[in-house]
């Protein structure tokens, strides 16, 4: 089963290697058919402590890291984090090299 990926905004970075991410979504009310904004906070793992309050991030579901933390940081402000960034740079370098 694929892992879920959510977009949100960092609301807290006070914990070590953990950020709190606020994820907003729009849901239609079943009776009134009006769209309602619902939000939920998730604790996500930030291995390198790179995120600050207000950053737009993508988080991905993972195996439980602690009691509340089952999400890891994927991207910060549209750029990859850590290993994912290095892997994408390696792929781009291999694509740009001419084959003889």
Protein backbone atom coordinates (compact mmCIF):
# COMPACT_ATOMS: atom_id res chain seq x y z
CA UNK A 1 0.00 0.00 0.00
CA UNK A 2 1.43 3.43 -0.90
CA UNK A 3 2.45 5.80 1.85
CA UNK A 4 0.36 8.92 2.28
CA UNK A 5 1.94 12.31 1.56
CA UNK A 6 0.54 15.53 3.06
CA UNK A 7 1.32 19.23 2.55
CA UNK A 8 1.28 21.62 5.48
CA UNK A 9 2.87 24.47 7.40
CA UNK A 10 5.31 24.15 10.30
CA UNK A 11 3.77 25.53 13.50
CA UNK A 12 6.47 24.45 15.98
CA UNK A 13 10.15 23.49 15.81
CA UNK A 14 10.97 23.59 19.52
CA UNK A 15 11.54 19.84 19.90
CA UNK A 16 14.79 18.16 18.90
CA UNK A 17 14.46 16.42 15.49
CA UNK A 18 10.67 16.91 15.55
CA UNK A 19 8.38 19.47 13.96
CA UNK A 20 4.65 20.05 14.29
CA UNK A 21 2.89 20.41 10.95
CA UNK A 22 -0.58 21.91 10.50
CA UNK A 23 -2.43 20.33 7.56
CA UNK A 24 -5.57 22.08 6.26
CA UNK A 25 -8.19 20.37 4.13
CA UNK A 26 -11.58 21.31 2.70
CA UNK A 27 -14.52 19.00 3.32
CA UNK A 28 -18.07 19.33 2.04
CA UNK A 29 -20.74 19.34 4.75
CA UNK A 30 -23.06 16.37 4.12
CA UNK A 31 -26.32 18.24 4.68
CA UNK A 32 -25.61 21.87 3.73
CA UNK A 33 -23.17 21.12 0.87
CA UNK A 34 -20.92 23.94 2.01
CA UNK A 35 -17.14 23.51 2.08
CA UNK A 36 -15.66 23.63 5.57
CA UNK A 37 -11.98 24.03 6.46
CA UNK A 38 -10.69 21.34 8.80
CA UNK A 39 -7.17 21.14 10.15
CA UNK A 40 -5.07 18.66 12.05
CA UNK A 41 -1.58 18.77 13.56
CA UNK A 42 0.97 16.02 12.93
CA UNK A 43 4.31 15.41 14.62
CA UNK A 44 6.95 14.74 11.95
CA UNK A 45 10.58 13.63 12.13
CA UNK A 46 13.11 16.27 10.99
CA UNK A 47 16.49 14.50 11.22
CA UNK A 48 18.67 17.55 10.48
CA UNK A 49 16.57 20.22 12.28
CA UNK A 50 16.34 22.31 9.10
CA UNK A 51 12.71 23.45 9.34
CA UNK A 52 11.63 26.71 10.93
CA UNK A 53 8.19 28.04 11.86
CA UNK A 54 6.22 29.05 8.77
CA UNK A 55 7.96 26.72 6.29
CA UNK A 56 5.78 24.89 3.77
CA UNK A 57 6.62 21.19 3.98
CA UNK A 58 5.62 17.79 2.61
CA UNK A 59 5.50 14.90 5.07
CA UNK A 60 5.27 11.18 4.37
CA UNK A 61 3.78 8.41 6.47
CA UNK A 62 6.31 5.98 7.97
CA UNK A 63 6.69 3.28 10.62
CA UNK A 64 6.20 4.62 14.18
CA UNK A 65 9.26 6.48 15.47
CA UNK A 66 7.73 7.28 18.86
CA UNK A 67 4.29 7.36 20.50
CA UNK A 68 3.03 10.35 18.44
CA UNK A 69 5.51 10.49 15.57
CA UNK A 70 4.62 8.43 12.48
CA UNK A 71 5.55 10.95 9.76
CA UNK A 72 8.89 12.00 8.24
CA UNK A 73 9.90 15.17 6.46
CA UNK A 74 10.08 14.83 2.67
CA UNK A 75 10.49 18.39 1.32
CA UNK A 76 10.95 21.87 2.73
CA UNK A 77 9.78 24.87 0.66
CA UNK A 78 9.82 22.74 -2.49
CA UNK A 79 13.35 21.35 -2.15
CA UNK A 80 14.24 17.81 -1.08
CA UNK A 81 15.84 17.00 2.27
CA UNK A 82 19.03 15.03 2.93
CA UNK A 83 19.38 11.76 1.00
CA UNK A 84 16.51 12.47 -1.36
CA UNK A 85 18.24 15.66 -2.51
CA UNK A 86 21.56 13.85 -3.06
CA UNK A 87 19.82 11.04 -4.98
CA UNK A 88 18.00 13.48 -7.27
CA UNK A 89 21.26 15.37 -7.95
CA UNK A 90 22.99 12.09 -8.86
CA UNK A 91 20.17 11.14 -11.25
CA UNK A 92 20.27 14.56 -12.92
CA UNK A 93 24.06 14.33 -13.30
CA UNK A 94 23.82 10.90 -14.91
CA UNK A 95 21.15 12.14 -17.32
CA UNK A 96 23.18 15.14 -18.43
CA UNK A 97 26.35 13.12 -19.21
CA UNK A 98 26.63 12.24 -22.89
CA UNK A 99 26.94 8.53 -23.68
CA UNK A 100 29.64 7.61 -26.18
